[in-house]
């Protein structure tokens, strides 16, 4: 951490931990349709 480099808004590009100017939290990759039967047992749940 470079504490002095981090602005209150978290958008200062001199921050050594920041990857991009406007960071966005990652989301899981969208899965394709299932083409192989799932292993084991599958319980019916929402």
ModelCIF file with pLDDT and N, C-alpha, C, O atoms, coordinates in Angstrom:
data_MODEL
#
_entry.id   MODEL 
#
_entity.id                         1 
_entity.type                       polymer 
_entity.pdbx_number_of_molecules   1 
#
_entity_poly.entity_id                      1 
_entity_poly.type                           'polypeptide(L)' 
_entity_poly.nstd_linkage                   no 
_entity_poly.nstd_monomer                   no 
_entity_poly.pdbx_seq_one_letter_code       
;(UNK)(UNK)(UNK)(UNK)(UNK)(UNK)(UNK)(UNK)(UNK)(UNK)(UNK)(UNK)(UNK)(UNK)(UNK)(UNK)
(UNK)(UNK)(UNK)(UNK)(UNK)(UNK)(UNK)(UNK)(UNK)(UNK)(UNK)(UNK)(UNK)(UNK)(UNK)(UNK)
(UNK)(UNK)(UNK)(UNK)(UNK)(UNK)(UNK)(UNK)(UNK)(UNK)(UNK)(UNK)(UNK)(UNK)
;
_entity_poly.pdbx_seq_one_letter_code_can   XXXXXXXXXXXXXXXXXXXXXXXXXXXXXXXXXXXXXXXXXXXXXX 
_entity_poly.pdbx_strand_id                 A 
#
loop_
_entity_poly_seq.entity_id 
_entity_poly_seq.num 
_entity_poly_seq.mon_id 
_entity_poly_seq.hetero 
1 1  UNK n 
1 2  UNK n 
1 3  UNK n 
1 4  UNK n 
1 5  UNK n 
1 6  UNK n 
1 7  UNK n 
1 8  UNK n 
1 9  UNK n 
1 10 UNK n 
1 11 UNK n 
1 12 UNK n 
1 13 UNK n 
1 14 UNK n 
1 15 UNK n 
1 16 UNK n 
1 17 UNK n 
1 18 UNK n 
1 19 UNK n 
1 20 UNK n 
1 21 UNK n 
1 22 UNK n 
1 23 UNK n 
1 24 UNK n 
1 25 UNK n 
1 26 UNK n 
1 27 UNK n 
1 28 UNK n 
1 29 UNK n 
1 30 UNK n 
1 31 UNK n 
1 32 UNK n 
1 33 UNK n 
1 34 UNK n 
1 35 UNK n 
1 36 UNK n 
1 37 UNK n 
1 38 UNK n 
1 39 UNK n 
1 40 UNK n 
1 41 UNK n 
1 42 UNK n 
1 43 UNK n 
1 44 UNK n 
1 45 UNK n 
1 46 UNK n 
#
_struct_asym.id          A 
_struct_asym.entity_id   1 
#
loop_
_ma_qa_metric.id 
_ma_qa_metric.mode 
_ma_qa_metric.name 
_ma_qa_metric.software_group_id 
_ma_qa_metric.type 
1 global pLDDT . pLDDT 
2 local  pLDDT . pLDDT 
#
_ma_qa_metric_global.metric_id      1 
_ma_qa_metric_global.metric_value   73.04 
_ma_qa_metric_global.model_id       1 
_ma_qa_metric_global.ordinal_id     1 
#
loop_
_ma_qa_metric_local.label_asym_id 
_ma_qa_metric_local.label_comp_id 
_ma_qa_metric_local.label_seq_id 
_ma_qa_metric_local.metric_id 
_ma_qa_metric_local.metric_value 
_ma_qa_metric_local.model_id 
_ma_qa_metric_local.ordinal_id 
A UNK 1  2 37.00 1 1  
A UNK 2  2 33.00 1 2  
A UNK 3  2 31.00 1 3  
A UNK 4  2 29.00 1 4  
A UNK 5  2 32.00 1 5  
A UNK 6  2 38.00 1 6  
A UNK 7  2 36.00 1 7  
A UNK 8  2 35.00 1 8  
A UNK 9  2 39.00 1 9  
A UNK 10 2 42.00 1 10 
A UNK 11 2 43.00 1 11 
A UNK 12 2 44.00 1 12 
A UNK 13 2 44.00 1 13 
A UNK 14 2 51.00 1 14 
A UNK 15 2 63.00 1 15 
A UNK 16 2 64.00 1 16 
A UNK 17 2 66.00 1 17 
A UNK 18 2 65.00 1 18 
A UNK 19 2 63.00 1 19 
A UNK 20 2 62.00 1 20 
A UNK 21 2 65.00 1 21 
A UNK 22 2 72.00 1 22 
A UNK 23 2 86.00 1 23 
A UNK 24 2 92.00 1 24 
A UNK 25 2 94.00 1 25 
A UNK 26 2 95.00 1 26 
A UNK 27 2 96.00 1 27 
A UNK 28 2 97.00 1 28 
A UNK 29 2 97.00 1 29 
A UNK 30 2 97.00 1 30 
A UNK 31 2 98.00 1 31 
A UNK 32 2 97.00 1 32 
A UNK 33 2 97.00 1 33 
A UNK 34 2 96.00 1 34 
A UNK 35 2 94.00 1 35 
A UNK 36 2 97.00 1 36 
A UNK 37 2 97.00 1 37 
A UNK 38 2 98.00 1 38 
A UNK 39 2 98.00 1 39 
A UNK 40 2 97.00 1 40 
A UNK 41 2 97.00 1 41 
A UNK 42 2 98.00 1 42 
A UNK 43 2 97.00 1 43 
A UNK 44 2 97.00 1 44 
A UNK 45 2 97.00 1 45 
A UNK 46 2 97.00 1 46 
#
loop_
_atom_site.group_PDB 
_atom_site.id 
_atom_site.type_symbol 
_atom_site.label_atom_id 
_atom_site.label_alt_id 
_atom_site.label_comp_id 
_atom_site.label_asym_id 
_atom_site.label_entity_id 
_atom_site.label_seq_id 
_atom_site.pdbx_PDB_ins_code 
_atom_site.Cartn_x 
_atom_site.Cartn_y 
_atom_site.Cartn_z 
_atom_site.occupancy 
_atom_site.B_iso_or_equiv 
_atom_site.pdbx_formal_charge 
_atom_site.auth_seq_id 
_atom_site.auth_comp_id 
_atom_site.auth_asym_id 
_atom_site.auth_atom_id 
_atom_site.pdbx_PDB_model_num 
ATOM 1   N N  . UNK A 1 1  ? 0.811   -1.212  0.000   1.00 37.00 ? 1  UNK A N  1 
ATOM 2   C CA . UNK A 1 1  ? 0.000   0.000   0.000   1.00 37.00 ? 1  UNK A CA 1 
ATOM 3   C C  . UNK A 1 1  ? 0.842   1.259   0.000   1.00 37.00 ? 1  UNK A C  1 
ATOM 4   O O  . UNK A 1 1  ? 1.857   1.359   0.689   1.00 37.00 ? 1  UNK A O  1 
ATOM 5   N N  . UNK A 1 2  ? 0.391   2.211   -0.790  1.00 33.00 ? 2  UNK A N  1 
ATOM 6   C CA . UNK A 1 2  ? 0.938   3.559   -0.717  1.00 33.00 ? 2  UNK A CA 1 
ATOM 7   C C  . UNK A 1 2  ? -0.195  4.427   -0.187  1.00 33.00 ? 2  UNK A C  1 
ATOM 8   O O  . UNK A 1 2  ? -0.970  4.989   -0.960  1.00 33.00 ? 2  UNK A O  1 
ATOM 9   N N  . UNK A 1 3  ? -0.285  4.531   1.124   1.00 31.00 ? 3  UNK A N  1 
ATOM 10  C CA . UNK A 1 3  ? -1.465  5.132   1.732   1.00 31.00 ? 3  UNK A CA 1 
ATOM 11  C C  . UNK A 1 3  ? -1.663  6.576   1.307   1.00 31.00 ? 3  UNK A C  1 
ATOM 12  O O  . UNK A 1 3  ? -2.797  7.014   1.112   1.00 31.00 ? 3  UNK A O  1 
ATOM 13  N N  . UNK A 1 4  ? -0.600  7.304   1.165   1.00 29.00 ? 4  UNK A N  1 
ATOM 14  C CA . UNK A 1 4  ? -0.745  8.715   0.813   1.00 29.00 ? 4  UNK A CA 1 
ATOM 15  C C  . UNK A 1 4  ? -1.246  8.902   -0.607  1.00 29.00 ? 4  UNK A C  1 
ATOM 16  O O  . UNK A 1 4  ? -1.725  9.980   -0.958  1.00 29.00 ? 4  UNK A O  1 
ATOM 17  N N  . UNK A 1 5  ? -1.140  7.850   -1.440  1.00 32.00 ? 5  UNK A N  1 
ATOM 18  C CA . UNK A 1 5  ? -1.531  7.979   -2.835  1.00 32.00 ? 5  UNK A CA 1 
ATOM 19  C C  . UNK A 1 5  ? -2.993  7.691   -3.080  1.00 32.00 ? 5  UNK A C  1 
ATOM 20  O O  . UNK A 1 5  ? -3.488  7.941   -4.179  1.00 32.00 ? 5  UNK A O  1 
ATOM 21  N N  . UNK A 1 6  ? -3.691  7.180   -2.105  1.00 38.00 ? 6  UNK A N  1 
ATOM 22  C CA . UNK A 1 6  ? -5.083  6.766   -2.289  1.00 38.00 ? 6  UNK A CA 1 
ATOM 23  C C  . UNK A 1 6  ? -6.013  7.922   -1.958  1.00 38.00 ? 6  UNK A C  1 
ATOM 24  O O  . UNK A 1 6  ? -6.022  8.416   -0.831  1.00 38.00 ? 6  UNK A O  1 
ATOM 25  N N  . UNK A 1 7  ? -6.787  8.348   -2.933  1.00 36.00 ? 7  UNK A N  1 
ATOM 26  C CA . UNK A 1 7  ? -7.735  9.424   -2.685  1.00 36.00 ? 7  UNK A CA 1 
ATOM 27  C C  . UNK A 1 7  ? -8.950  8.908   -1.971  1.00 36.00 ? 7  UNK A C  1 
ATOM 28  O O  . UNK A 1 7  ? -9.171  7.698   -1.931  1.00 36.00 ? 7  UNK A O  1 
ATOM 29  N N  . UNK A 1 8  ? -9.746  9.784   -1.406  1.00 35.00 ? 8  UNK A N  1 
ATOM 30  C CA . UNK A 1 8  ? -10.936 9.369   -0.672  1.00 35.00 ? 8  UNK A CA 1 
ATOM 31  C C  . UNK A 1 8  ? -11.918 8.661   -1.567  1.00 35.00 ? 8  UNK A C  1 
ATOM 32  O O  . UNK A 1 8  ? -12.637 7.771   -1.112  1.00 35.00 ? 8  UNK A O  1 
ATOM 33  N N  . UNK A 1 9  ? -11.966 9.035   -2.839  1.00 39.00 ? 9  UNK A N  1 
ATOM 34  C CA . UNK A 1 9  ? -12.911 8.397   -3.755  1.00 39.00 ? 9  UNK A CA 1 
ATOM 35  C C  . UNK A 1 9  ? -12.396 7.097   -4.297  1.00 39.00 ? 9  UNK A C  1 
ATOM 36  O O  . UNK A 1 9  ? -13.149 6.351   -4.924  1.00 39.00 ? 9  UNK A O  1 
ATOM 37  N N  . UNK A 1 10 ? -11.116 6.795   -4.073  1.00 42.00 ? 10 UNK A N  1 
ATOM 38  C CA . UNK A 1 10 ? -10.551 5.555   -4.570  1.00 42.00 ? 10 UNK A CA 1 
ATOM 39  C C  . UNK A 1 10 ? -10.284 5.588   -6.061  1.00 42.00 ? 10 UNK A C  1 
ATOM 40  O O  . UNK A 1 10 ? -10.234 4.528   -6.684  1.00 42.00 ? 10 UNK A O  1 
ATOM 41  N N  . UNK A 1 11 ? -10.110 6.766   -6.668  1.00 43.00 ? 11 UNK A N  1 
ATOM 42  C CA . UNK A 1 11 ? -9.932  6.845   -8.099  1.00 43.00 ? 11 UNK A CA 1 
ATOM 43  C C  . UNK A 1 11 ? -8.585  7.453   -8.499  1.00 43.00 ? 11 UNK A C  1 
ATOM 44  O O  . UNK A 1 11 ? -8.420  7.856   -9.650  1.00 43.00 ? 11 UNK A O  1 
ATOM 45  N N  . UNK A 1 12 ? -7.641  7.527   -7.600  1.00 44.00 ? 12 UNK A N  1 
ATOM 46  C CA . UNK A 1 12 ? -6.351  8.137   -7.890  1.00 44.00 ? 12 UNK A CA 1 
ATOM 47  C C  . UNK A 1 12 ? -5.450  7.112   -8.575  1.00 44.00 ? 12 UNK A C  1 
ATOM 48  O O  . UNK A 1 12 ? -5.185  6.052   -8.009  1.00 44.00 ? 12 UNK A O  1 
ATOM 49  N N  . UNK A 1 13 ? -4.973  7.416   -9.792  1.00 44.00 ? 13 UNK A N  1 
ATOM 50  C CA . UNK A 1 13 ? -4.189  6.465   -10.559 1.00 44.00 ? 13 UNK A CA 1 
ATOM 51  C C  . UNK A 1 13 ? -2.795  6.252   -9.989  1.00 44.00 ? 13 UNK A C  1 
ATOM 52  O O  . UNK A 1 13 ? -2.090  5.352   -10.446 1.00 44.00 ? 13 UNK A O  1 
ATOM 53  N N  . UNK A 1 14 ? -2.361  7.059   -8.988  1.00 51.00 ? 14 UNK A N  1 
ATOM 54  C CA . UNK A 1 14 ? -1.058  6.835   -8.382  1.00 51.00 ? 14 UNK A CA 1 
ATOM 55  C C  . UNK A 1 14 ? -1.119  5.766   -7.306  1.00 51.00 ? 14 UNK A C  1 
ATOM 56  O O  . UNK A 1 14 ? -0.083  5.400   -6.750  1.00 51.00 ? 14 UNK A O  1 
ATOM 57  N N  . UNK A 1 15 ? -2.285  5.264   -7.002  1.00 63.00 ? 15 UNK A N  1 
ATOM 58  C CA . UNK A 1 15 ? -2.442  4.201   -6.014  1.00 63.00 ? 15 UNK A CA 1 
ATOM 59  C C  . UNK A 1 15 ? -1.821  2.928   -6.562  1.00 63.00 ? 15 UNK A C  1 
ATOM 60  O O  . UNK A 1 15 ? -2.220  2.457   -7.626  1.00 63.00 ? 15 UNK A O  1 
ATOM 61  N N  . UNK A 1 16 ? -0.856  2.366   -5.859  1.00 64.00 ? 16 UNK A N  1 
ATOM 62  C CA . UNK A 1 16 ? -0.116  1.211   -6.367  1.00 64.00 ? 16 UNK A CA 1 
ATOM 63  C C  . UNK A 1 16 ? -0.950  -0.058  -6.427  1.00 64.00 ? 16 UNK A C  1 
ATOM 64  O O  . UNK A 1 16 ? -0.542  -1.023  -7.074  1.00 64.00 ? 16 UNK A O  1 
ATOM 65  N N  . UNK A 1 17 ? -2.106  -0.088  -5.771  1.00 66.00 ? 17 UNK A N  1 
ATOM 66  C CA . UNK A 1 17 ? -2.949  -1.282  -5.819  1.00 66.00 ? 17 UNK A CA 1 
ATOM 67  C C  . UNK A 1 17 ? -4.034  -1.188  -6.880  1.00 66.00 ? 17 UNK A C  1 
ATOM 68  O O  . UNK A 1 17 ? -4.671  -2.194  -7.192  1.00 66.00 ? 17 UNK A O  1 
ATOM 69  N N  . UNK A 1 18 ? -4.258  -0.015  -7.436  1.00 65.00 ? 18 UNK A N  1 
ATOM 70  C CA . UNK A 1 18 ? -5.376  0.155   -8.348  1.00 65.00 ? 18 UNK A CA 1 
ATOM 71  C C  . UNK A 1 18 ? -5.003  -0.315  -9.744  1.00 65.00 ? 18 UNK A C  1 
ATOM 72  O O  . UNK A 1 18 ? -3.937  0.031   -10.253 1.00 65.00 ? 18 UNK A O  1 
ATOM 73  N N  . UNK A 1 19 ? -5.875  -1.100  -10.365 1.00 63.00 ? 19 UNK A N  1 
ATOM 74  C CA . UNK A 1 19 ? -5.609  -1.675  -11.676 1.00 63.00 ? 19 UNK A CA 1 
ATOM 75  C C  . UNK A 1 19 ? -6.076  -0.752  -12.791 1.00 63.00 ? 19 UNK A C  1 
ATOM 76  O O  . UNK A 1 19 ? -5.353  -0.548  -13.766 1.00 63.00 ? 19 UNK A O  1 
ATOM 77  N N  . UNK A 1 20 ? -7.281  -0.187  -12.659 1.00 62.00 ? 20 UNK A N  1 
ATOM 78  C CA . UNK A 1 20 ? -7.859  0.680   -13.682 1.00 62.00 ? 20 UNK A CA 1 
ATOM 79  C C  . UNK A 1 20 ? -8.413  1.930   -13.013 1.00 62.00 ? 20 UNK A C  1 
ATOM 80  O O  . UNK A 1 20 ? -8.561  1.991   -11.792 1.00 62.00 ? 20 UNK A O  1 
ATOM 81  N N  . UNK A 1 21 ? -8.719  2.939   -13.852 1.00 65.00 ? 21 UNK A N  1 
ATOM 82  C CA . UNK A 1 21 ? -9.186  4.220   -13.312 1.00 65.00 ? 21 UNK A CA 1 
ATOM 83  C C  . UNK A 1 21 ? -10.554 4.099   -12.654 1.00 65.00 ? 21 UNK A C  1 
ATOM 84  O O  . UNK A 1 21 ? -10.815 4.742   -11.637 1.00 65.00 ? 21 UNK A O  1 
ATOM 85  N N  . UNK A 1 22 ? -11.424 3.280   -13.226 1.00 72.00 ? 22 UNK A N  1 
ATOM 86  C CA . UNK A 1 22 ? -12.773 3.127   -12.682 1.00 72.00 ? 22 UNK A CA 1 
ATOM 87  C C  . UNK A 1 22 ? -13.049 1.653   -12.412 1.00 72.00 ? 22 UNK A C  1 
ATOM 88  O O  . UNK A 1 22 ? -13.679 0.987   -13.234 1.00 72.00 ? 22 UNK A O  1 
ATOM 89  N N  . UNK A 1 23 ? -12.595 1.135   -11.286 1.00 86.00 ? 23 UNK A N  1 
ATOM 90  C CA . UNK A 1 23 ? -12.691 -0.299  -11.025 1.00 86.00 ? 23 UNK A CA 1 
ATOM 91  C C  . UNK A 1 23 ? -14.130 -0.780  -10.890 1.00 86.00 ? 23 UNK A C  1 
ATOM 92  O O  . UNK A 1 23 ? -14.997 -0.064  -10.391 1.00 86.00 ? 23 UNK A O  1 
ATOM 93  N N  . UNK A 1 24 ? -14.363 -1.997  -11.341 1.00 92.00 ? 24 UNK A N  1 
ATOM 94  C CA . UNK A 1 24 ? -15.663 -2.642  -11.259 1.00 92.00 ? 24 UNK A CA 1 
ATOM 95  C C  . UNK A 1 24 ? -15.452 -4.029  -10.660 1.00 92.00 ? 24 UNK A C  1 
ATOM 96  O O  . UNK A 1 24 ? -14.537 -4.743  -11.068 1.00 92.00 ? 24 UNK A O  1 
ATOM 97  N N  . UNK A 1 25 ? -16.281 -4.415  -9.706  1.00 94.00 ? 25 UNK A N  1 
ATOM 98  C CA . UNK A 1 25 ? -16.156 -5.732  -9.089  1.00 94.00 ? 25 UNK A CA 1 
ATOM 99  C C  . UNK A 1 25 ? -16.416 -6.822  -10.119 1.00 94.00 ? 25 UNK A C  1 
ATOM 100 O O  . UNK A 1 25 ? -17.297 -6.696  -10.970 1.00 94.00 ? 25 UNK A O  1 
ATOM 101 N N  . UNK A 1 26 ? -15.641 -7.887  -10.027 1.00 95.00 ? 26 UNK A N  1 
ATOM 102 C CA . UNK A 1 26 ? -15.752 -8.986  -10.978 1.00 95.00 ? 26 UNK A CA 1 
ATOM 103 C C  . UNK A 1 26 ? -17.046 -9.776  -10.754 1.00 95.00 ? 26 UNK A C  1 
ATOM 104 O O  . UNK A 1 26 ? -17.555 -9.856  -9.636  1.00 95.00 ? 26 UNK A O  1 
ATOM 105 N N  . UNK A 1 27 ? -17.565 -10.355 -11.838 1.00 96.00 ? 27 UNK A N  1 
ATOM 106 C CA . UNK A 1 27 ? -18.728 -11.237 -11.771 1.00 96.00 ? 27 UNK A CA 1 
ATOM 107 C C  . UNK A 1 27 ? -18.351 -12.592 -12.342 1.00 96.00 ? 27 UNK A C  1 
ATOM 108 O O  . UNK A 1 27 ? -17.387 -12.692 -13.101 1.00 96.00 ? 27 UNK A O  1 
ATOM 109 N N  . UNK A 1 28 ? -19.086 -13.631 -11.994 1.00 97.00 ? 28 UNK A N  1 
ATOM 110 C CA . UNK A 1 28 ? -18.751 -14.954 -12.542 1.00 97.00 ? 28 UNK A CA 1 
ATOM 111 C C  . UNK A 1 28 ? -18.978 -14.998 -14.046 1.00 97.00 ? 28 UNK A C  1 
ATOM 112 O O  . UNK A 1 28 ? -19.872 -14.333 -14.570 1.00 97.00 ? 28 UNK A O  1 
ATOM 113 N N  . UNK A 1 29 ? -18.166 -15.785 -14.730 1.00 97.00 ? 29 UNK A N  1 
ATOM 114 C CA . UNK A 1 29 ? -18.387 -16.002 -16.152 1.00 97.00 ? 29 UNK A CA 1 
ATOM 115 C C  . UNK A 1 29 ? -19.742 -16.674 -16.352 1.00 97.00 ? 29 UNK A C  1 
ATOM 116 O O  . UNK A 1 29 ? -20.133 -17.545 -15.575 1.00 97.00 ? 29 UNK A O  1 
ATOM 117 N N  . UNK A 1 30 ? -20.450 -16.263 -17.397 1.00 97.00 ? 30 UNK A N  1 
ATOM 118 C CA . UNK A 1 30 ? -21.754 -16.859 -17.698 1.00 97.00 ? 30 UNK A CA 1 
ATOM 119 C C  . UNK A 1 30 ? -21.550 -18.273 -18.239 1.00 97.00 ? 30 UNK A C  1 
ATOM 120 O O  . UNK A 1 30 ? -20.758 -18.490 -19.156 1.00 97.00 ? 30 UNK A O  1 
ATOM 121 N N  . UNK A 1 31 ? -22.271 -19.224 -17.665 1.00 98.00 ? 31 UNK A N  1 
ATOM 122 C CA . UNK A 1 31 ? -22.103 -20.618 -18.044 1.00 98.00 ? 31 UNK A CA 1 
ATOM 123 C C  . UNK A 1 31 ? -22.823 -20.944 -19.343 1.00 98.00 ? 31 UNK A C  1 
ATOM 124 O O  . UNK A 1 31 ? -23.889 -20.397 -19.627 1.00 98.00 ? 31 UNK A O  1 
ATOM 125 N N  . UNK A 1 32 ? -22.235 -21.838 -20.129 1.00 97.00 ? 32 UNK A N  1 
ATOM 126 C CA . UNK A 1 32 ? -22.947 -22.341 -21.302 1.00 97.00 ? 32 UNK A CA 1 
ATOM 127 C C  . UNK A 1 32 ? -23.992 -23.365 -20.874 1.00 97.00 ? 32 UNK A C  1 
ATOM 128 O O  . UNK A 1 32 ? -24.051 -23.745 -19.705 1.00 97.00 ? 32 UNK A O  1 
ATOM 129 N N  . UNK A 1 33 ? -24.808 -23.808 -21.812 1.00 97.00 ? 33 UNK A N  1 
ATOM 130 C CA . UNK A 1 33 ? -25.766 -24.874 -21.522 1.00 97.00 ? 33 UNK A CA 1 
ATOM 131 C C  . UNK A 1 33 ? -25.006 -26.146 -21.159 1.00 97.00 ? 33 UNK A C  1 
ATOM 132 O O  . UNK A 1 33 ? -23.911 -26.391 -21.666 1.00 97.00 ? 33 UNK A O  1 
ATOM 133 N N  . UNK A 1 34 ? -25.589 -26.943 -20.289 1.00 96.00 ? 34 UNK A N  1 
ATOM 134 C CA . UNK A 1 34 ? -24.963 -28.202 -19.862 1.00 96.00 ? 34 UNK A CA 1 
ATOM 135 C C  . UNK A 1 34 ? -25.017 -29.205 -21.005 1.00 96.00 ? 34 UNK A C  1 
ATOM 136 O O  . UNK A 1 34 ? -26.085 -29.491 -21.546 1.00 96.00 ? 34 UNK A O  1 
ATOM 137 N N  . UNK A 1 35 ? -23.852 -29.735 -21.366 1.00 94.00 ? 35 UNK A N  1 
ATOM 138 C CA . UNK A 1 35 ? -23.786 -30.749 -22.417 1.00 94.00 ? 35 UNK A CA 1 
ATOM 139 C C  . UNK A 1 35 ? -23.333 -32.109 -21.889 1.00 94.00 ? 35 UNK A C  1 
ATOM 140 O O  . UNK A 1 35 ? -23.470 -33.123 -22.573 1.00 94.00 ? 35 UNK A O  1 
ATOM 141 N N  . UNK A 1 36 ? -22.789 -32.126 -20.659 1.00 97.00 ? 36 UNK A N  1 
ATOM 142 C CA . UNK A 1 36 ? -22.359 -33.370 -20.018 1.00 97.00 ? 36 UNK A CA 1 
ATOM 143 C C  . UNK A 1 36 ? -23.149 -33.545 -18.734 1.00 97.00 ? 36 UNK A C  1 
ATOM 144 O O  . UNK A 1 36 ? -23.276 -32.604 -17.952 1.00 97.00 ? 36 UNK A O  1 
ATOM 145 N N  . UNK A 1 37 ? -23.674 -34.720 -18.511 1.00 97.00 ? 37 UNK A N  1 
ATOM 146 C CA . UNK A 1 37 ? -24.473 -34.978 -17.321 1.00 97.00 ? 37 UNK A CA 1 
ATOM 147 C C  . UNK A 1 37 ? -23.665 -34.667 -16.064 1.00 97.00 ? 37 UNK A C  1 
ATOM 148 O O  . UNK A 1 37 ? -22.539 -35.145 -15.930 1.00 97.00 ? 37 UNK A O  1 
ATOM 149 N N  . UNK A 1 38 ? -24.213 -33.875 -15.142 1.00 98.00 ? 38 UNK A N  1 
ATOM 150 C CA . UNK A 1 38 ? -23.501 -33.586 -13.892 1.00 98.00 ? 38 UNK A CA 1 
ATOM 151 C C  . UNK A 1 38 ? -23.200 -34.856 -13.110 1.00 98.00 ? 38 UNK A C  1 
ATOM 152 O O  . UNK A 1 38 ? -24.020 -35.772 -13.058 1.00 98.00 ? 38 UNK A O  1 
ATOM 153 N N  . UNK A 1 39 ? -22.028 -34.904 -12.507 1.00 98.00 ? 39 UNK A N  1 
ATOM 154 C CA . UNK A 1 39 ? -21.633 -36.059 -11.701 1.00 98.00 ? 39 UNK A CA 1 
ATOM 155 C C  . UNK A 1 39 ? -22.463 -36.151 -10.433 1.00 98.00 ? 39 UNK A C  1 
ATOM 156 O O  . UNK A 1 39 ? -22.984 -35.148 -9.947  1.00 98.00 ? 39 UNK A O  1 
ATOM 157 N N  . UNK A 1 40 ? -22.580 -37.350 -9.907  1.00 97.00 ? 40 UNK A N  1 
ATOM 158 C CA . UNK A 1 40 ? -23.226 -37.556 -8.618  1.00 97.00 ? 40 UNK A CA 1 
ATOM 159 C C  . UNK A 1 40 ? -24.724 -37.355 -8.647  1.00 97.00 ? 40 UNK A C  1 
ATOM 160 O O  . UNK A 1 40 ? -25.386 -37.618 -9.651  1.00 97.00 ? 40 UNK A O  1 
ATOM 161 N N  . UNK A 1 41 ? -25.249 -36.882 -7.522  1.00 97.00 ? 41 UNK A N  1 
ATOM 162 C CA . UNK A 1 41 ? -26.686 -36.674 -7.326  1.00 97.00 ? 41 UNK A CA 1 
ATOM 163 C C  . UNK A 1 41 ? -27.011 -35.195 -7.406  1.00 97.00 ? 41 UNK A C  1 
ATOM 164 O O  . UNK A 1 41 ? -26.224 -34.362 -6.956  1.00 97.00 ? 41 UNK A O  1 
ATOM 165 N N  . UNK A 1 42 ? -28.167 -34.854 -7.977  1.00 98.00 ? 42 UNK A N  1 
ATOM 166 C CA . UNK A 1 42 ? -28.603 -33.463 -8.040  1.00 98.00 ? 42 UNK A CA 1 
ATOM 167 C C  . UNK A 1 42 ? -29.916 -33.324 -7.286  1.00 98.00 ? 42 UNK A C  1 
ATOM 168 O O  . UNK A 1 42 ? -30.915 -33.951 -7.638  1.00 98.00 ? 42 UNK A O  1 
ATOM 169 N N  . UNK A 1 43 ? -29.906 -32.492 -6.240  1.00 97.00 ? 43 UNK A N  1 
ATOM 170 C CA . UNK A 1 43 ? -31.098 -32.204 -5.460  1.00 97.00 ? 43 UNK A CA 1 
ATOM 171 C C  . UNK A 1 43 ? -31.846 -31.046 -6.106  1.00 97.00 ? 43 UNK A C  1 
ATOM 172 O O  . UNK A 1 43 ? -31.226 -30.074 -6.539  1.00 97.00 ? 43 UNK A O  1 
ATOM 173 N N  . UNK A 1 44 ? -33.143 -31.138 -6.175  1.00 97.00 ? 44 UNK A N  1 
ATOM 174 C CA . UNK A 1 44 ? -33.946 -30.065 -6.769  1.00 97.00 ? 44 UNK A CA 1 
ATOM 175 C C  . UNK A 1 44 ? -33.996 -28.882 -5.806  1.00 97.00 ? 44 UNK A C  1 
ATOM 176 O O  . UNK A 1 44 ? -34.555 -28.993 -4.716  1.00 97.00 ? 44 UNK A O  1 
ATOM 177 N N  . UNK A 1 45 ? -33.419 -27.760 -6.200  1.00 97.00 ? 45 UNK A N  1 
ATOM 178 C CA . UNK A 1 45 ? -33.466 -26.529 -5.401  1.00 97.00 ? 45 UNK A CA 1 
ATOM 179 C C  . UNK A 1 45 ? -33.634 -25.344 -6.342  1.00 97.00 ? 45 UNK A C  1 
ATOM 180 O O  . UNK A 1 45 ? -33.267 -25.424 -7.514  1.00 97.00 ? 45 UNK A O  1 
ATOM 181 N N  . UNK A 1 46 ? -34.193 -24.232 -5.831  1.00 97.00 ? 46 UNK A N  1 
ATOM 182 C CA . UNK A 1 46 ? -34.188 -22.990 -6.610  1.00 97.00 ? 46 UNK A CA 1 
ATOM 183 C C  . UNK A 1 46 ? -32.757 -22.490 -6.783  1.00 97.00 ? 46 UNK A C  1 
ATOM 184 O O  . UNK A 1 46 ? -32.536 -21.454 -7.411  1.00 97.00 ? 46 UNK A O  1 
#
